[in-house]
Amino acid sequence: MAYLELKNIQKSFGDAHIIRGVNLEIQKGEFIVFVGPSGCGKSTLLRLIAGLEPTTSGRLMLDGKDITQLASGKRDLAMVFQSYALYPHMSVADNMSFALKLAGVPKDEIRRKVAHAAEQLNLTQYLARTPKELSGGQRQRVAIGRAIVRAPKVFLFDEPLSNLDAALRGNTRVEIHKLHVALGATSIYVTHDQVEAMTLADRVVVLKDGVIEQVGTPMELYDHPVNRFVAQFIGMPSMNMVPASAIPSFSSQTRGRLPTDGFLGVRPEGLQVHPGRPRDGAGVPGRVDLIEALGADTLIHIDVDGVPLIARQNERTPLRIGDDVGVELDPSVLHLFDREGQALAA
């Protein structure tokens, strides 16, 4: 039996249907990431689980208990917000212990839990400081520590890294992953950043317009997307998507499996770019539009008969903007989609 189960969850605000019948089973100890574009309903779904918004219909089951109508404070969940939500006049220790004090937990137990959480989060030396004396990353760790001391059944994270700079996001993401492993906790994490989803999740839930498009491990979604939306949302840069009729020599490599009104998908690493115009039918001619040198990787933007493509290679390139090139694709990594965008069997 699932530890946390969402059964046909729906949420409407007047005539606006935000969550449209979500069914999901989450096992104990899993790290689940909700990902999708802005407005897809991921934060709303998290708030429904937390009890911060009432469901319009459906049931929420946690550890065999129906929590659909329970107040948020009775659900045994802890939420980490994007905005930290710390009390500015309280010390770090007081912020972390506030919920325990309200619950009447003995002082010795509070001190022990706060000290243990602070040690896990490298906050011990900051316990006497107030939030204004901390960096953004430290404030977010305090917010996480406040959740840890409660020892909830499920941790809920609502885009906790979006207020941090790029370097700090990466460091804090690693800290959250290590913390999850150390605690063995069940966690649900909301983000619009598919890199966070790919690096943190045991399973990723891809949402669009209040509906789950696909659920799976990060590599299942990367290697076997069920439709064009998932294919192009997961992966950075996005999967190249070519109409069947746009580059006939590419479509011919599918050996008749691609409908004439379908789409051919290929990841950037599935394209090879060679200097000069192709000879003896080796690839198709293209022109370099842009070079993105990223150090370990190089992204080459190419125009092939008006179709923009991106190739990734793990080596530096002598190519320059405007150069003629030959473009080949690896037929073993092609993705085929029908007119409606649904994936076709390989």
C-alpha atoms as a PDB file:
ATOM      1  CA  MET A   1       0.000   0.000   0.000  1.00  0.00           C
ATOM      2  CA  ALA A   2       1.222   3.501  -0.847  1.00  0.00           C
ATOM      3  CA  TYR A   3       2.393   5.683   2.029  1.00  0.00           C
ATOM      4  CA  LEU A   4       0.799   8.810   0.541  1.00  0.00           C
ATOM      5  CA  GLU A   5      -1.943   8.443  -2.039  1.00  0.00           C
ATOM      6  CA  LEU A   6      -3.754  11.058  -4.104  1.00  0.00           C
ATOM      7  CA  LYS A   7      -7.076   9.759  -5.397  1.00  0.00           C
ATOM      8  CA  ASN A   8      -8.700  11.757  -8.206  1.00  0.00           C
ATOM      9  CA  ILE A   9      -7.734  15.085  -6.626  1.00  0.00           C
ATOM     10  CA  GLN A  10      -9.446  18.071  -8.223  1.00  0.00           C
ATOM     11  CA  LYS A  11      -9.317  21.766  -7.434  1.00  0.00           C
ATOM     12  CA  SER A  12     -11.330  24.602  -8.931  1.00  0.00           C
ATOM     13  CA  PHE A  13     -11.445  28.309  -8.212  1.00  0.00           C
ATOM     14  CA  GLY A  14     -14.849  29.289  -9.528  1.00  0.00           C
ATOM     15  CA  ASP A  15     -14.939  28.260 -13.177  1.00  0.00           C
ATOM     16  CA  ALA A  16     -11.177  27.781 -13.348  1.00  0.00           C
ATOM     17  CA  HIS A  17     -10.198  24.109 -13.080  1.00  0.00           C
ATOM     18  CA  ILE A  18      -6.641  24.096 -11.780  1.00  0.00           C
ATOM     19  CA  ILE A  19      -6.135  20.441 -10.824  1.00  0.00           C
ATOM     20  CA  ARG A  20      -7.978  18.013 -13.074  1.00  0.00           C
ATOM     21  CA  GLY A  21      -8.164  14.590 -11.465  1.00  0.00           C
ATOM     22  CA  VAL A  22      -4.670  13.717 -10.200  1.00  0.00           C
ATOM     23  CA  ASN A  23      -3.959  10.137  -9.131  1.00  0.00           C
ATOM     24  CA  LEU A  24      -0.572   9.369  -7.601  1.00  0.00           C
ATOM     25  CA  GLU A  25       0.964   6.844  -5.217  1.00  0.00           C
ATOM     26  CA  ILE A  26       4.078   7.783  -3.214  1.00  0.00           C
ATOM     27  CA  GLN A  27       6.051   5.210  -1.266  1.00  0.00           C
ATOM     28  CA  LYS A  28       7.631   5.783   2.135  1.00  0.00           C
ATOM     29  CA  GLY A  29      11.105   7.299   1.844  1.00  0.00           C
ATOM     30  CA  GLU A  30      10.692   8.456  -1.766  1.00  0.00           C
ATOM     31  CA  PHE A  31      11.861  11.819  -3.023  1.00  0.00           C
ATOM     32  CA  ILE A  32       9.176  12.966  -5.458  1.00  0.00           C
ATOM     33  CA  VAL A  33       9.554  16.107  -7.568  1.00  0.00           C
ATOM     34  CA  PHE A  34       6.626  17.933  -9.156  1.00  0.00           C
ATOM     35  CA  VAL A  35       7.855  19.784 -12.215  1.00  0.00           C
ATOM     36  CA  GLY A  36       6.222  21.754 -14.970  1.00  0.00           C
ATOM     37  CA  PRO A  37       5.891  25.240 -16.462  1.00  0.00           C
ATOM     38  CA  SER A  38       4.416  28.178 -14.590  1.00  0.00           C
ATOM     39  CA  GLY A  39       0.668  27.769 -14.138  1.00  0.00           C
ATOM     40  CA  CYS A  40       0.665  23.973 -14.461  1.00  0.00           C
ATOM     41  CA  GLY A  41      -0.730  23.494 -10.933  1.00  0.00           C
ATOM     42  CA  LYS A  42       2.302  22.047  -9.143  1.00  0.00           C
ATOM     43  CA  SER A  43       2.313  24.503  -6.215  1.00  0.00           C
ATOM     44  CA  THR A  44      -1.473  24.275  -5.914  1.00  0.00           C
ATOM     45  CA  LEU A  45      -1.209  20.493  -5.704  1.00  0.00           C
ATOM     46  CA  LEU A  46       1.412  20.796  -2.956  1.00  0.00           C
ATOM     47  CA  ARG A  47      -0.821  23.198  -1.022  1.00  0.00           C
ATOM     48  CA  LEU A  48      -3.701  20.722  -1.291  1.00  0.00           C
ATOM     49  CA  ILE A  49      -1.503  18.010   0.208  1.00  0.00           C
ATOM     50  CA  ALA A  50      -0.402  20.401   2.966  1.00  0.00           C
ATOM     51  CA  GLY A  51      -3.989  21.388   3.762  1.00  0.00           C
ATOM     52  CA  LEU A  52      -3.405  25.053   2.949  1.00  0.00           C
ATOM     53  CA  GLU A  53      -6.150  24.840   0.323  1.00  0.00           C
ATOM     54  CA  PRO A  54      -9.276  22.638   0.485  1.00  0.00           C
ATOM     55  CA  THR A  55      -9.755  20.108  -2.291  1.00  0.00           C
ATOM     56  CA  THR A  56     -12.800  20.441  -4.530  1.00  0.00           C
ATOM     57  CA  SER A  57     -13.075  16.649  -4.737  1.00  0.00           C
ATOM     58  CA  GLY A  58     -10.963  13.540  -4.289  1.00  0.00           C
ATOM     59  CA  ARG A  59      -9.207  11.960  -1.309  1.00  0.00           C
ATOM     60  CA  LEU A  60      -5.780  12.216   0.313  1.00  0.00           C
ATOM     61  CA  MET A  61      -4.536   9.163   2.201  1.00  0.00           C
ATOM     62  CA  LEU A  62      -1.433   9.258   4.437  1.00  0.00           C
ATOM     63  CA  ASP A  63      -0.143   6.107   6.093  1.00  0.00           C
ATOM     64  CA  GLY A  64      -3.558   4.473   5.731  1.00  0.00           C
ATOM     65  CA  LYS A  65      -5.468   7.466   7.150  1.00  0.00           C
ATOM     66  CA  ASP A  66      -7.792   9.793   5.247  1.00  0.00           C
ATOM     67  CA  ILE A  67      -6.448  13.326   5.808  1.00  0.00           C
ATOM     68  CA  THR A  68      -8.576  15.087   3.192  1.00  0.00           C
ATOM     69  CA  GLN A  69     -10.586  17.072   5.727  1.00  0.00           C
ATOM     70  CA  LEU A  70      -7.922  17.420   8.417  1.00  0.00           C
ATOM     71  CA  ALA A  71      -6.587  20.870   9.269  1.00  0.00           C
ATOM     72  CA  SER A  72      -3.039  21.475   8.042  1.00  0.00           C
ATOM     73  CA  GLY A  73      -1.631  21.380  11.578  1.00  0.00           C
ATOM     74  CA  LYS A  74      -3.074  17.910  12.134  1.00  0.00           C
ATOM     75  CA  ARG A  75      -1.638  16.240   9.016  1.00  0.00           C
ATOM     76  CA  ASP A  76       1.872  15.563  10.363  1.00  0.00           C
ATOM     77  CA  LEU A  77       3.490  17.326   7.406  1.00  0.00           C
ATOM     78  CA  ALA A  78       6.135  20.069   7.364  1.00  0.00           C
ATOM     79  CA  MET A  79       6.479  22.634   4.592  1.00  0.00           C
ATOM     80  CA  VAL A  80       9.505  24.642   3.480  1.00  0.00           C
ATOM     81  CA  PHE A  81       8.453  27.785   1.624  1.00  0.00           C
ATOM     82  CA  GLN A  82      10.143  29.723  -1.156  1.00  0.00           C
ATOM     83  CA  SER A  83      10.157  32.871   1.001  1.00  0.00           C
ATOM     84  CA  TYR A  84      11.725  31.185   4.084  1.00  0.00           C
ATOM     85  CA  ALA A  85       8.860  32.536   6.291  1.00  0.00           C
ATOM     86  CA  LEU A  86      11.141  33.118   9.302  1.00  0.00           C
ATOM     87  CA  TYR A  87      10.268  35.331  12.276  1.00  0.00           C
ATOM     88  CA  PRO A  88      12.672  38.286  11.921  1.00  0.00           C
ATOM     89  CA  HIS A  89      12.776  39.104  15.664  1.00  0.00           C
ATOM     90  CA  MET A  90      13.580  35.534  16.746  1.00  0.00           C
ATOM     91  CA  SER A  91      16.950  33.826  16.855  1.00  0.00           C
ATOM     92  CA  VAL A  92      17.718  30.852  14.644  1.00  0.00           C
ATOM     93  CA  ALA A  93      17.184  28.528  17.607  1.00  0.00           C
ATOM     94  CA  ASP A  94      13.824  30.107  18.437  1.00  0.00           C
ATOM     95  CA  ASN A  95      12.684  29.954  14.797  1.00  0.00           C
ATOM     96  CA  MET A  96      13.556  26.260  14.616  1.00  0.00           C
ATOM     97  CA  SER A  97      11.890  25.431  17.923  1.00  0.00           C
ATOM     98  CA  PHE A  98       8.759  27.594  17.714  1.00  0.00           C
ATOM     99  CA  ALA A  99       6.378  24.858  16.533  1.00  0.00           C
ATOM    100  CA  LEU A 100       7.668  22.467  19.207  1.00  0.00           C
ATOM    101  CA  LYS A 101       7.073  25.068  21.915  1.00  0.00           C
ATOM    102  CA  LEU A 102       3.505  25.577  20.724  1.00  0.00           C
ATOM    103  CA  ALA A 103       3.014  21.809  20.853  1.00  0.00           C
ATOM    104  CA  GLY A 104       4.177  21.711  24.479  1.00  0.00           C
ATOM    105  CA  VAL A 105       7.272  19.595  23.857  1.00  0.00           C
ATOM    106  CA  PRO A 106       9.568  19.479  26.942  1.00  0.00           C
ATOM    107  CA  LYS A 107      12.440  22.008  26.894  1.00  0.00           C
ATOM    108  CA  ASP A 108      15.188  19.380  27.101  1.00  0.00           C
ATOM    109  CA  GLU A 109      13.764  17.545  24.092  1.00  0.00           C
ATOM    110  CA  ILE A 110      13.467  20.810  22.158  1.00  0.00           C
ATOM    111  CA  ARG A 111      17.123  21.661  22.852  1.00  0.00           C
ATOM    112  CA  ARG A 112      18.214  18.196  21.766  1.00  0.00           C
ATOM    113  CA  LYS A 113      16.230  18.274  18.516  1.00  0.00           C
ATOM    114  CA  VAL A 114      17.352  21.785  17.617  1.00  0.00           C
ATOM    115  CA  ALA A 115      21.001  20.964  18.341  1.00  0.00           C
ATOM    116  CA  HIS A 116      20.813  17.809  16.224  1.00  0.00           C
ATOM    117  CA  ALA A 117      19.153  19.596  13.293  1.00  0.00           C
ATOM    118  CA  ALA A 118      21.625  22.494  13.502  1.00  0.00           C
ATOM    119  CA  GLU A 119      24.540  20.050  13.381  1.00  0.00           C
ATOM    120  CA  GLN A 120      23.109  18.335  10.284  1.00  0.00           C
ATOM    121  CA  LEU A 121      22.685  21.699   8.539  1.00  0.00           C
ATOM    122  CA  ASN A 122      25.963  23.330   9.690  1.00  0.00           C
ATOM    123  CA  LEU A 123      24.019  25.949  11.636  1.00  0.00           C
ATOM    124  CA  THR A 124      25.345  25.324  15.158  1.00  0.00           C
ATOM    125  CA  GLN A 125      27.444  28.495  15.235  1.00  0.00           C
ATOM    126  CA  TYR A 126      24.497  30.607  14.043  1.00  0.00           C
ATOM    127  CA  LEU A 127      21.849  29.542  16.588  1.00  0.00           C
ATOM    128  CA  ALA A 128      21.959  32.867  18.461  1.00  0.00           C
ATOM    129  CA  ARG A 129      21.721  35.027  15.327  1.00  0.00           C
ATOM    130  CA  THR A 130      18.576  36.543  13.840  1.00  0.00           C
ATOM    131  CA  PRO A 131      17.584  35.983  10.167  1.00  0.00           C
ATOM    132  CA  LYS A 132      18.863  39.406   9.057  1.00  0.00           C
ATOM    133  CA  GLU A 133      22.375  38.335  10.114  1.00  0.00           C
ATOM    134  CA  LEU A 134      22.308  35.326   7.764  1.00  0.00           C
ATOM    135  CA  SER A 135      22.840  34.819   4.048  1.00  0.00           C
ATOM    136  CA  GLY A 136      20.007  33.616   1.817  1.00  0.00           C
ATOM    137  CA  GLY A 137      21.350  30.070   1.832  1.00  0.00           C
ATOM    138  CA  GLN A 138      21.625  30.044   5.621  1.00  0.00           C
ATOM    139  CA  ARG A 139      18.064  31.328   5.979  1.00  0.00           C
ATOM    140  CA  GLN A 140      16.828  28.538   3.743  1.00  0.00           C
ATOM    141  CA  ARG A 141      18.702  26.015   5.880  1.00  0.00           C
ATOM    142  CA  VAL A 142      16.994  27.440   8.981  1.00  0.00           C
ATOM    143  CA  ALA A 143      13.628  26.952   7.274  1.00  0.00           C
ATOM    144  CA  ILE A 144      14.600  23.346   6.498  1.00  0.00           C
ATOM    145  CA  GLY A 145      15.790  22.884  10.097  1.00  0.00           C
ATOM    146  CA  ARG A 146      12.447  24.107  11.397  1.00  0.00           C
ATOM    147  CA  ALA A 147      10.829  21.308   9.389  1.00  0.00           C
ATOM    148  CA  ILE A 148      13.351  18.679  10.506  1.00  0.00           C
ATOM    149  CA  VAL A 149      12.828  19.205  14.247  1.00  0.00           C
ATOM    150  CA  ARG A 150       9.162  18.351  13.843  1.00  0.00           C
ATOM    151  CA  ALA A 151      10.058  14.894  12.448  1.00  0.00           C
ATOM    152  CA  PRO A 152       7.023  14.913  10.120  1.00  0.00           C
ATOM    153  CA  LYS A 153       5.801  12.010   8.044  1.00  0.00           C
ATOM    154  CA  VAL A 154       6.317  14.008   4.841  1.00  0.00           C
ATOM    155  CA  PHE A 155       8.478  17.019   3.962  1.00  0.00           C
ATOM    156  CA  LEU A 156       7.006  19.463   1.439  1.00  0.00           C
ATOM    157  CA  PHE A 157       9.303  21.859  -0.448  1.00  0.00           C
ATOM    158  CA  ASP A 158       7.765  24.696  -2.488  1.00  0.00           C
ATOM    159  CA  GLU A 159      10.499  25.987  -4.845  1.00  0.00           C
ATOM    160  CA  PRO A 160      12.906  26.460  -1.910  1.00  0.00           C
ATOM    161  CA  LEU A 161      15.903  27.472  -4.047  1.00  0.00           C
ATOM    162  CA  SER A 162      14.320  30.026  -6.377  1.00  0.00           C
ATOM    163  CA  ASN A 163      15.496  33.013  -4.308  1.00  0.00           C
ATOM    164  CA  LEU A 164      19.149  31.905  -4.329  1.00  0.00           C
ATOM    165  CA  ASP A 165      21.869  32.753  -6.842  1.00  0.00           C
ATOM    166  CA  ALA A 166      23.068  30.087  -9.268  1.00  0.00           C
ATOM    167  CA  ALA A 167      26.103  28.901  -7.279  1.00  0.00           C
ATOM    168  CA  LEU A 168      24.184  28.763  -4.014  1.00  0.00           C
ATOM    169  CA  ARG A 169      21.318  26.910  -5.688  1.00  0.00           C
ATOM    170  CA  GLY A 170      23.723  24.170  -6.706  1.00  0.00           C
ATOM    171  CA  ASN A 171      25.281  23.894  -3.252  1.00  0.00           C
ATOM    172  CA  THR A 172      21.945  23.902  -1.431  1.00  0.00           C
ATOM    173  CA  ARG A 173      20.522  21.329  -3.856  1.00  0.00           C
ATOM    174  CA  VAL A 174      23.348  18.975  -2.915  1.00  0.00           C
ATOM    175  CA  GLU A 175      22.714  19.633   0.785  1.00  0.00           C
ATOM    176  CA  ILE A 176      19.012  18.827   0.411  1.00  0.00           C
ATOM    177  CA  HIS A 177      19.818  15.572  -1.378  1.00  0.00           C
ATOM    178  CA  LYS A 178      22.319  14.520   1.305  1.00  0.00           C
ATOM    179  CA  LEU A 179      19.840  15.438   4.020  1.00  0.00           C
ATOM    180  CA  HIS A 180      17.113  13.341   2.397  1.00  0.00           C
ATOM    181  CA  VAL A 181      19.437  10.326   2.267  1.00  0.00           C
ATOM    182  CA  ALA A 182      20.491  10.823   5.905  1.00  0.00           C
ATOM    183  CA  LEU A 183      16.924  11.201   7.208  1.00  0.00           C
ATOM    184  CA  GLY A 184      15.323   8.572   4.968  1.00  0.00           C
ATOM    185  CA  ALA A 185      12.320  10.902   4.884  1.00  0.00           C
ATOM    186  CA  THR A 186       9.451  11.049   2.410  1.00  0.00           C
ATOM    187  CA  SER A 187       9.760  14.295   0.469  1.00  0.00           C
ATOM    188  CA  ILE A 188       7.741  16.133  -2.176  1.00  0.00           C
ATOM    189  CA  TYR A 189       9.555  18.955  -3.933  1.00  0.00           C
ATOM    190  CA  VAL A 190       8.069  21.514  -6.333  1.00  0.00           C
ATOM    191  CA  THR A 191      10.207  23.245  -8.937  1.00  0.00           C
ATOM    192  CA  HIS A 192      10.028  24.680 -12.443  1.00  0.00           C
ATOM    193  CA  ASP A 193      13.719  23.836 -12.899  1.00  0.00           C
ATOM    194  CA  GLN A 194      14.077  20.499 -14.673  1.00  0.00           C
ATOM    195  CA  VAL A 195      17.766  20.300 -13.624  1.00  0.00           C
ATOM    196  CA  GLU A 196      16.666  20.226  -9.976  1.00  0.00           C
ATOM    197  CA  ALA A 197      14.092  17.596 -10.866  1.00  0.00           C
ATOM    198  CA  MET A 198      16.621  15.388 -12.668  1.00  0.00           C
ATOM    199  CA  THR A 199      19.269  15.578  -9.939  1.00  0.00           C
ATOM    200  CA  LEU A 200      17.083  15.278  -6.821  1.00  0.00           C
ATOM    201  CA  ALA A 201      14.207  12.964  -7.632  1.00  0.00           C
ATOM    202  CA  ASP A 202      13.674   9.261  -7.183  1.00  0.00           C
ATOM    203  CA  ARG A 203      10.663   9.864  -9.427  1.00  0.00           C
ATOM    204  CA  VAL A 204       9.575  12.945 -11.347  1.00  0.00           C
ATOM    205  CA  VAL A 205       5.940  13.948 -11.833  1.00  0.00           C
ATOM    206  CA  VAL A 206       5.559  16.116 -14.946  1.00  0.00           C
ATOM    207  CA  LEU A 207       2.480  18.342 -14.834  1.00  0.00           C
ATOM    208  CA  LYS A 208       0.766  20.385 -17.519  1.00  0.00           C
ATOM    209  CA  ASP A 209      -2.534  22.260 -17.180  1.00  0.00           C
ATOM    210  CA  GLY A 210      -3.396  20.473 -13.934  1.00  0.00           C
ATOM    211  CA  VAL A 211      -2.884  16.981 -15.374  1.00  0.00           C
ATOM    212  CA  ILE A 212      -0.035  14.498 -14.880  1.00  0.00           C
ATOM    213  CA  GLU A 213       1.660  13.927 -18.228  1.00  0.00           C
ATOM    214  CA  GLN A 214       4.144  11.290 -17.043  1.00  0.00           C
ATOM    215  CA  VAL A 215       5.617   9.813 -13.865  1.00  0.00           C
ATOM    216  CA  GLY A 216       8.954   8.022 -13.783  1.00  0.00           C
ATOM    217  CA  THR A 217      12.592   8.100 -12.807  1.00  0.00           C
ATOM    218  CA  PRO A 218      14.580  10.976 -14.291  1.00  0.00           C
ATOM    219  CA  MET A 219      16.231   8.738 -16.871  1.00  0.00           C
ATOM    220  CA  GLU A 220      12.946   7.031 -17.786  1.00  0.00           C
ATOM    221  CA  LEU A 221      11.535  10.436 -18.663  1.00  0.00           C
ATOM    222  CA  TYR A 222      14.690  11.418 -20.526  1.00  0.00           C
ATOM    223  CA  ASP A 223      14.985   8.191 -22.525  1.00  0.00           C
ATOM    224  CA  HIS A 224      11.307   7.302 -22.966  1.00  0.00           C
ATOM    225  CA  PRO A 225       9.079  10.410 -22.940  1.00  0.00           C
ATOM    226  CA  VAL A 226       5.428   9.593 -23.621  1.00  0.00           C
ATOM    227  CA  ASN A 227       4.775  12.751 -25.642  1.00  0.00           C
ATOM    228  CA  ARG A 228       6.364  15.822 -27.192  1.00  0.00           C
ATOM    229  CA  PHE A 229       5.693  17.978 -24.130  1.00  0.00           C
ATOM    230  CA  VAL A 230       7.667  15.730 -21.789  1.00  0.00           C
ATOM    231  CA  ALA A 231      10.354  15.169 -24.432  1.00  0.00           C
ATOM    232  CA  GLN A 232      10.990  18.886 -24.791  1.00  0.00           C
ATOM    233  CA  PHE A 233      10.510  19.848 -21.144  1.00  0.00           C
ATOM    234  CA  ILE A 234      12.941  17.280 -19.743  1.00  0.00           C
ATOM    235  CA  GLY A 235      16.519  17.775 -20.868  1.00  0.00           C
ATOM    236  CA  MET A 236      18.714  20.825 -21.302  1.00  0.00           C
ATOM    237  CA  PRO A 237      18.958  21.931 -24.053  1.00  0.00           C
ATOM    238  CA  SER A 238      15.546  20.778 -25.189  1.00  0.00           C
ATOM    239  CA  MET A 239      15.091  17.873 -27.565  1.00  0.00           C
ATOM    240  CA  ASN A 240      15.262  18.868 -31.237  1.00  0.00           C
ATOM    241  CA  MET A 241      11.823  18.393 -32.812  1.00  0.00           C
ATOM    242  CA  VAL A 242      11.669  18.149 -36.617  1.00  0.00           C
ATOM    243  CA  PRO A 243       8.441  17.879 -38.670  1.00  0.00           C
ATOM    244  CA  ALA A 244       8.537  14.696 -40.764  1.00  0.00           C
ATOM    245  CA  SER A 245       8.516  16.582 -44.052  1.00  0.00           C
ATOM    246  CA  ALA A 246      11.139  19.210 -43.074  1.00  0.00           C
ATOM    247  CA  ILE A 247      14.331  17.151 -43.531  1.00  0.00           C
ATOM    248  CA  PRO A 248      13.476  14.120 -45.715  1.00  0.00           C
ATOM    249  CA  SER A 249      16.882  12.439 -45.332  1.00  0.00           C
ATOM    250  CA  PHE A 250      16.421  12.417 -41.543  1.00  0.00           C
ATOM    251  CA  SER A 251      12.878  11.030 -41.782  1.00  0.00           C
ATOM    252  CA  SER A 252      14.026   8.301 -44.173  1.00  0.00           C
ATOM    253  CA  GLN A 253      16.212   6.856 -41.410  1.00  0.00           C
ATOM    254  CA  THR A 254      13.101   5.832 -39.481  1.00  0.00           C
ATOM    255  CA  ARG A 255      12.436   3.194 -42.184  1.00  0.00           C
ATOM    256  CA  GLY A 256       8.812   4.142 -42.704  1.00  0.00           C
ATOM    257  CA  ARG A 257       7.861   4.193 -38.998  1.00  0.00           C
ATOM    258  CA  LEU A 258       7.350   7.978 -38.935  1.00  0.00           C
ATOM    259  CA  PRO A 259       3.965   9.237 -40.213  1.00  0.00           C
ATOM    260  CA  THR A 260       4.156  11.947 -42.855  1.00  0.00           C
ATOM    261  CA  ASP A 261       2.436  14.353 -40.457  1.00  0.00           C
ATOM    262  CA  GLY A 262       4.475  13.258 -37.428  1.00  0.00           C
ATOM    263  CA  PHE A 263       7.593  14.591 -35.751  1.00  0.00           C
ATOM    264  CA  LEU A 264      11.125  13.306 -35.376  1.00  0.00           C
ATOM    265  CA  GLY A 265      12.824  13.980 -32.039  1.00  0.00           C
ATOM    266  CA  VAL A 266      16.548  13.774 -31.356  1.00  0.00           C
ATOM    267  CA  ARG A 267      18.508  14.888 -28.310  1.00  0.00           C
ATOM    268  CA  PRO A 268      21.360  17.361 -28.930  1.00  0.00           C
ATOM    269  CA  GLU A 269      23.913  14.640 -28.169  1.00  0.00           C
ATOM    270  CA  GLY A 270      22.360  12.522 -30.932  1.00  0.00           C
ATOM    271  CA  LEU A 271      23.598  14.933 -33.616  1.00  0.00           C
ATOM    272  CA  GLN A 272      27.111  15.013 -35.027  1.00  0.00           C
ATOM    273  CA  VAL A 273      28.444  18.127 -36.767  1.00  0.00           C
ATOM    274  CA  HIS A 274      31.321  17.991 -39.273  1.00  0.00           C
ATOM    275  CA  PRO A 275      33.137  21.003 -40.777  1.00  0.00           C
ATOM    276  CA  GLY A 276      32.422  21.718 -44.455  1.00  0.00           C
ATOM    277  CA  ARG A 277      29.553  20.687 -46.649  1.00  0.00           C
ATOM    278  CA  PRO A 278      28.795  16.949 -46.542  1.00  0.00           C
ATOM    279  CA  ARG A 279      30.111  14.661 -49.224  1.00  0.00           C
ATOM    280  CA  ASP A 280      28.914  11.292 -50.517  1.00  0.00           C
ATOM    281  CA  GLY A 281      25.561  11.675 -48.749  1.00  0.00           C
ATOM    282  CA  ALA A 282      27.140  11.777 -45.278  1.00  0.00           C
ATOM    283  CA  GLY A 283      24.611  13.974 -43.473  1.00  0.00           C
ATOM    284  CA  VAL A 284      22.740  17.075 -44.571  1.00  0.00           C
ATOM    285  CA  PRO A 285      24.150  20.562 -45.241  1.00  0.00           C
ATOM    286  CA  GLY A 286      23.666  23.242 -42.620  1.00  0.00           C
ATOM    287  CA  ARG A 287      25.049  26.549 -41.405  1.00  0.00           C
ATOM    288  CA  VAL A 288      26.312  27.457 -37.935  1.00  0.00           C
ATOM    289  CA  ASP A 289      24.139  30.124 -36.295  1.00  0.00           C
ATOM    290  CA  LEU A 290      25.679  30.214 -32.811  1.00  0.00           C
ATOM    291  CA  ILE A 291      28.377  28.552 -30.726  1.00  0.00           C
ATOM    292  CA  GLU A 292      27.903  28.205 -26.953  1.00  0.00           C
ATOM    293  CA  ALA A 293      31.209  27.172 -25.387  1.00  0.00           C
ATOM    294  CA  LEU A 294      30.406  25.878 -21.896  1.00  0.00           C
ATOM    295  CA  GLY A 295      33.807  24.449 -21.023  1.00  0.00           C
ATOM    296  CA  ALA A 296      33.203  20.710 -20.747  1.00  0.00           C
ATOM    297  CA  ASP A 297      30.471  20.880 -23.409  1.00  0.00           C
ATOM    298  CA  THR A 298      29.925  22.851 -26.588  1.00  0.00           C
ATOM    299  CA  LEU A 299      26.472  23.618 -27.979  1.00  0.00           C
ATOM    300  CA  ILE A 300      26.343  24.248 -31.726  1.00  0.00           C
ATOM    301  CA  HIS A 301      23.225  25.919 -33.112  1.00  0.00           C
ATOM    302  CA  ILE A 302      22.678  25.003 -36.759  1.00  0.00           C
ATOM    303  CA  ASP A 303      20.214  25.988 -39.464  1.00  0.00           C
ATOM    304  CA  VAL A 304      19.254  23.118 -41.791  1.00  0.00           C
ATOM    305  CA  ASP A 305      16.881  24.273 -44.533  1.00  0.00           C
ATOM    306  CA  GLY A 306      15.224  26.702 -42.127  1.00  0.00           C
ATOM    307  CA  VAL A 307      14.974  24.149 -39.304  1.00  0.00           C
ATOM    308  CA  PRO A 308      16.900  25.188 -36.148  1.00  0.00           C
ATOM    309  CA  LEU A 309      18.846  22.368 -34.487  1.00  0.00           C
ATOM    310  CA  ILE A 310      21.153  22.192 -31.463  1.00  0.00           C
ATOM    311  CA  ALA A 311      24.019  19.696 -31.267  1.00  0.00           C
ATOM    312  CA  ARG A 312      25.975  18.968 -28.100  1.00  0.00           C
ATOM    313  CA  GLN A 313      29.541  17.701 -28.190  1.00  0.00           C
ATOM    314  CA  ASN A 314      31.935  17.102 -25.302  1.00  0.00           C
ATOM    315  CA  GLU A 315      34.880  18.706 -27.034  1.00  0.00           C
ATOM    316  CA  ARG A 316      35.815  22.171 -28.211  1.00  0.00           C
ATOM    317  CA  THR A 317      35.188  23.151 -31.792  1.00  0.00           C
ATOM    318  CA  PRO A 318      37.061  25.219 -34.382  1.00  0.00           C
ATOM    319  CA  LEU A 319      33.739  26.137 -36.025  1.00  0.00           C
ATOM    320  CA  ARG A 320      32.595  29.744 -36.262  1.00  0.00           C
ATOM    321  CA  ILE A 321      29.273  31.445 -36.919  1.00  0.00           C
ATOM    322  CA  GLY A 322      28.392  31.237 -40.615  1.00  0.00           C
ATOM    323  CA  ASP A 323      30.473  28.122 -41.309  1.00  0.00           C
ATOM    324  CA  ASP A 324      29.060  25.429 -43.574  1.00  0.00           C
ATOM    325  CA  VAL A 325      28.724  22.059 -41.876  1.00  0.00           C
ATOM    326  CA  GLY A 326      27.395  18.566 -42.392  1.00  0.00           C
ATOM    327  CA  VAL A 327      24.900  17.268 -39.848  1.00  0.00           C
ATOM    328  CA  GLU A 328      24.352  13.580 -39.141  1.00  0.00           C
ATOM    329  CA  LEU A 329      22.054  11.945 -36.621  1.00  0.00           C
ATOM    330  CA  ASP A 330      22.361   8.732 -34.669  1.00  0.00           C
ATOM    331  CA  PRO A 331      19.393   6.576 -35.777  1.00  0.00           C
ATOM    332  CA  SER A 332      19.590   4.506 -32.584  1.00  0.00           C
ATOM    333  CA  VAL A 333      18.430   7.419 -30.392  1.00  0.00           C
ATOM    334  CA  LEU A 334      15.528   8.786 -32.410  1.00  0.00           C
ATOM    335  CA  HIS A 335      12.120   9.521 -30.891  1.00  0.00           C
ATOM    336  CA  LEU A 336       9.012   9.355 -33.059  1.00  0.00           C
ATOM    337  CA  PHE A 337       5.761  11.228 -32.393  1.00  0.00           C
ATOM    338  CA  ASP A 338       2.440  11.302 -34.183  1.00  0.00           C
ATOM    339  CA  ARG A 339       0.536  14.424 -35.244  1.00  0.00           C
ATOM    340  CA  GLU A 340      -0.993  14.832 -31.762  1.00  0.00           C
ATOM    341  CA  GLY A 341       2.436  14.584 -30.162  1.00  0.00           C
ATOM    342  CA  GLN A 342       2.087  11.109 -28.667  1.00  0.00           C
ATOM    343  CA  ALA A 343       5.178   8.899 -28.714  1.00  0.00           C
ATOM    344  CA  LEU A 344       5.222   5.993 -31.153  1.00  0.00           C
ATOM    345  CA  ALA A 345       6.747   2.607 -30.378  1.00  0.00           C
ATOM    346  CA  ALA A 346      10.409   2.407 -31.339  1.00  0.00           C
END
